[in-house]
Amino acid sequence: MASIDFPSALIALERAAWSAAQTGTLTADQAAAVQAAVTAFAAEAGVDRYEAEMGLKRIVRHPELTEAA
């Protein structure tokens, strides 16, 4: 998977959504906002949306793997 330089605001948005999902408080609006932000970022950066989403999730959910890469 190619390394993608994510803006800190997008990482923060995904972290908040992941935290909400972990506590059972994630709303459909919050999930949709993250999805829209990832889609917009991918289009602007010229990267595949799926790759962007998976890379972002990896950074947030498995930071130990990101640091080792």
N, C-alpha and C. Protein backbone atom coordinates (compact mmCIF):
# COMPACT_ATOMS: atom_id res chain seq x y z
N MET A 1 0.85 -1.17 0.00
CA MET A 1 0.00 0.00 0.00
C MET A 1 0.90 1.23 0.00
N ALA A 2 0.64 2.15 -0.89
CA ALA A 2 1.43 3.36 -0.99
C ALA A 2 1.23 4.24 0.23
N SER A 3 2.28 4.96 0.58
CA SER A 3 2.19 5.89 1.70
C SER A 3 1.45 7.15 1.26
N ILE A 4 0.45 7.52 2.03
CA ILE A 4 -0.36 8.70 1.72
C ILE A 4 -0.19 9.68 2.87
N ASP A 5 0.05 10.94 2.54
CA ASP A 5 0.22 11.98 3.54
C ASP A 5 -1.16 12.58 3.87
N PHE A 6 -1.75 12.11 4.96
CA PHE A 6 -3.09 12.56 5.34
C PHE A 6 -3.01 13.85 6.15
N PRO A 7 -3.93 14.77 5.91
CA PRO A 7 -3.97 15.98 6.73
C PRO A 7 -4.40 15.62 8.16
N SER A 8 -3.89 16.36 9.13
CA SER A 8 -4.19 16.06 10.53
C SER A 8 -5.68 16.16 10.83
N ALA A 9 -6.39 17.04 10.14
CA ALA A 9 -7.84 17.17 10.39
C ALA A 9 -8.58 15.90 9.99
N LEU A 10 -8.15 15.26 8.92
CA LEU A 10 -8.79 14.02 8.48
C LEU A 10 -8.48 12.89 9.45
N ILE A 11 -7.26 12.84 9.95
CA ILE A 11 -6.89 11.83 10.94
C ILE A 11 -7.72 12.03 12.21
N ALA A 12 -7.86 13.28 12.63
CA ALA A 12 -8.65 13.57 13.83
C ALA A 12 -10.11 13.17 13.65
N LEU A 13 -10.65 13.41 12.47
CA LEU A 13 -12.04 13.04 12.18
C LEU A 13 -12.22 11.52 12.27
N GLU A 14 -11.28 10.78 11.70
CA GLU A 14 -11.34 9.31 11.75
C GLU A 14 -11.15 8.82 13.18
N ARG A 15 -10.24 9.44 13.93
CA ARG A 15 -10.03 9.04 15.33
C ARG A 15 -11.30 9.23 16.16
N ALA A 16 -11.98 10.34 15.94
CA ALA A 16 -13.22 10.61 16.68
C ALA A 16 -14.28 9.58 16.32
N ALA A 17 -14.38 9.25 15.05
CA ALA A 17 -15.36 8.25 14.62
C ALA A 17 -15.02 6.87 15.17
N TRP A 18 -13.75 6.51 15.17
CA TRP A 18 -13.33 5.21 15.68
C TRP A 18 -13.61 5.13 17.19
N SER A 19 -13.33 6.20 17.89
CA SER A 19 -13.61 6.25 19.32
C SER A 19 -15.11 6.10 19.58
N ALA A 20 -15.91 6.80 18.80
CA ALA A 20 -17.36 6.69 18.95
C ALA A 20 -17.84 5.28 18.62
N ALA A 21 -17.26 4.66 17.62
CA ALA A 21 -17.64 3.29 17.27
C ALA A 21 -17.30 2.34 18.42
N GLN A 22 -16.15 2.57 19.05
CA GLN A 22 -15.72 1.71 20.16
C GLN A 22 -16.67 1.81 21.35
N THR A 23 -17.26 2.98 21.54
CA THR A 23 -18.15 3.17 22.69
C THR A 23 -19.62 3.01 22.33
N GLY A 24 -19.89 2.71 21.06
CA GLY A 24 -21.27 2.50 20.63
C GLY A 24 -22.05 3.78 20.42
N THR A 25 -21.34 4.90 20.23
CA THR A 25 -22.03 6.18 20.06
C THR A 25 -21.87 6.77 18.66
N LEU A 26 -21.30 6.03 17.74
CA LEU A 26 -21.12 6.51 16.37
C LEU A 26 -22.50 6.70 15.72
N THR A 27 -22.69 7.88 15.16
CA THR A 27 -23.96 8.16 14.49
C THR A 27 -23.79 8.01 12.98
N ALA A 28 -24.90 7.86 12.29
CA ALA A 28 -24.85 7.78 10.84
C ALA A 28 -24.31 9.07 10.25
N ASP A 29 -24.66 10.21 10.84
CA ASP A 29 -24.15 11.49 10.36
C ASP A 29 -22.64 11.59 10.51
N GLN A 30 -22.12 11.10 11.63
CA GLN A 30 -20.68 11.14 11.86
C GLN A 30 -19.96 10.23 10.87
N ALA A 31 -20.48 9.04 10.66
CA ALA A 31 -19.89 8.12 9.70
C ALA A 31 -19.93 8.68 8.29
N ALA A 32 -21.04 9.31 7.94
CA ALA A 32 -21.18 9.91 6.61
C ALA A 32 -20.20 11.07 6.43
N ALA A 33 -19.97 11.84 7.48
CA ALA A 33 -19.03 12.95 7.40
C ALA A 33 -17.61 12.45 7.15
N VAL A 34 -17.23 11.36 7.82
CA VAL A 34 -15.90 10.79 7.59
C VAL A 34 -15.80 10.28 6.16
N GLN A 35 -16.81 9.57 5.71
CA GLN A 35 -16.80 9.02 4.36
C GLN A 35 -16.69 10.13 3.32
N ALA A 36 -17.45 11.20 3.50
CA ALA A 36 -17.40 12.32 2.57
C ALA A 36 -16.02 12.98 2.58
N ALA A 37 -15.43 13.12 3.76
CA ALA A 37 -14.11 13.74 3.87
C ALA A 37 -13.04 12.87 3.20
N VAL A 38 -13.12 11.56 3.38
CA VAL A 38 -12.16 10.65 2.75
C VAL A 38 -12.32 10.71 1.23
N THR A 39 -13.55 10.69 0.76
CA THR A 39 -13.82 10.74 -0.68
C THR A 39 -13.28 12.04 -1.28
N ALA A 40 -13.51 13.15 -0.61
CA ALA A 40 -13.04 14.45 -1.10
C ALA A 40 -11.51 14.50 -1.08
N PHE A 41 -10.91 14.01 -0.02
CA PHE A 41 -9.45 13.99 0.07
C PHE A 41 -8.85 13.15 -1.05
N ALA A 42 -9.40 11.96 -1.26
CA ALA A 42 -8.88 11.06 -2.29
C ALA A 42 -8.96 11.71 -3.67
N ALA A 43 -10.08 12.35 -3.97
CA ALA A 43 -10.24 13.01 -5.27
C ALA A 43 -9.23 14.13 -5.42
N GLU A 44 -9.05 14.93 -4.37
CA GLU A 44 -8.13 16.06 -4.42
C GLU A 44 -6.67 15.60 -4.52
N ALA A 45 -6.34 14.53 -3.81
CA ALA A 45 -4.96 14.02 -3.79
C ALA A 45 -4.65 13.14 -4.99
N GLY A 46 -5.70 12.74 -5.72
CA GLY A 46 -5.49 11.88 -6.88
C GLY A 46 -5.12 10.46 -6.52
N VAL A 47 -5.69 9.98 -5.41
CA VAL A 47 -5.44 8.60 -4.98
C VAL A 47 -6.76 7.84 -4.96
N ASP A 48 -6.65 6.54 -5.01
CA ASP A 48 -7.83 5.68 -4.96
C ASP A 48 -8.53 5.85 -3.62
N ARG A 49 -9.84 6.05 -3.62
CA ARG A 49 -10.59 6.25 -2.39
C ARG A 49 -10.46 5.07 -1.44
N TYR A 50 -10.52 3.88 -1.98
CA TYR A 50 -10.39 2.68 -1.14
C TYR A 50 -9.02 2.65 -0.46
N GLU A 51 -7.96 2.92 -1.21
CA GLU A 51 -6.61 2.95 -0.63
C GLU A 51 -6.51 4.03 0.44
N ALA A 52 -7.10 5.18 0.18
CA ALA A 52 -7.08 6.27 1.16
C ALA A 52 -7.81 5.85 2.43
N GLU A 53 -8.97 5.27 2.28
CA GLU A 53 -9.75 4.85 3.45
C GLU A 53 -9.01 3.79 4.26
N MET A 54 -8.45 2.81 3.59
CA MET A 54 -7.74 1.75 4.29
C MET A 54 -6.47 2.28 4.97
N GLY A 55 -5.77 3.18 4.31
CA GLY A 55 -4.58 3.78 4.90
C GLY A 55 -4.91 4.60 6.13
N LEU A 56 -5.99 5.34 6.06
CA LEU A 56 -6.42 6.16 7.19
C LEU A 56 -6.83 5.28 8.36
N LYS A 57 -7.58 4.24 8.09
CA LYS A 57 -7.98 3.31 9.15
C LYS A 57 -6.76 2.66 9.79
N ARG A 58 -5.77 2.34 8.98
CA ARG A 58 -4.55 1.71 9.51
C ARG A 58 -3.83 2.66 10.46
N ILE A 59 -3.71 3.92 10.08
CA ILE A 59 -3.06 4.92 10.92
C ILE A 59 -3.77 5.04 12.26
N VAL A 60 -5.08 5.08 12.22
CA VAL A 60 -5.87 5.30 13.43
C VAL A 60 -5.97 4.03 14.28
N ARG A 61 -6.23 2.92 13.66
CA ARG A 61 -6.50 1.69 14.41
C ARG A 61 -5.25 0.89 14.75
N HIS A 62 -4.20 1.05 13.96
CA HIS A 62 -2.98 0.27 14.17
C HIS A 62 -1.74 1.15 14.03
N PRO A 63 -1.60 2.14 14.89
CA PRO A 63 -0.47 3.06 14.75
C PRO A 63 0.88 2.34 14.87
N GLU A 64 0.92 1.24 15.61
CA GLU A 64 2.18 0.50 15.76
C GLU A 64 2.65 -0.07 14.41
N LEU A 65 1.72 -0.41 13.53
CA LEU A 65 2.09 -0.92 12.21
C LEU A 65 2.58 0.21 11.31
N THR A 66 2.00 1.38 11.47
CA THR A 66 2.37 2.53 10.67
C THR A 66 3.79 2.98 11.02
N GLU A 67 4.12 2.98 12.31
CA GLU A 67 5.45 3.41 12.73
C GLU A 67 6.52 2.46 12.26
N ALA A 68 6.19 1.16 12.14
CA ALA A 68 7.17 0.16 11.72
C ALA A 68 7.37 0.16 10.21
N ALA A 69 6.41 0.71 9.48
CA ALA A 69 6.48 0.68 8.01
C ALA A 69 7.51 1.63 7.47
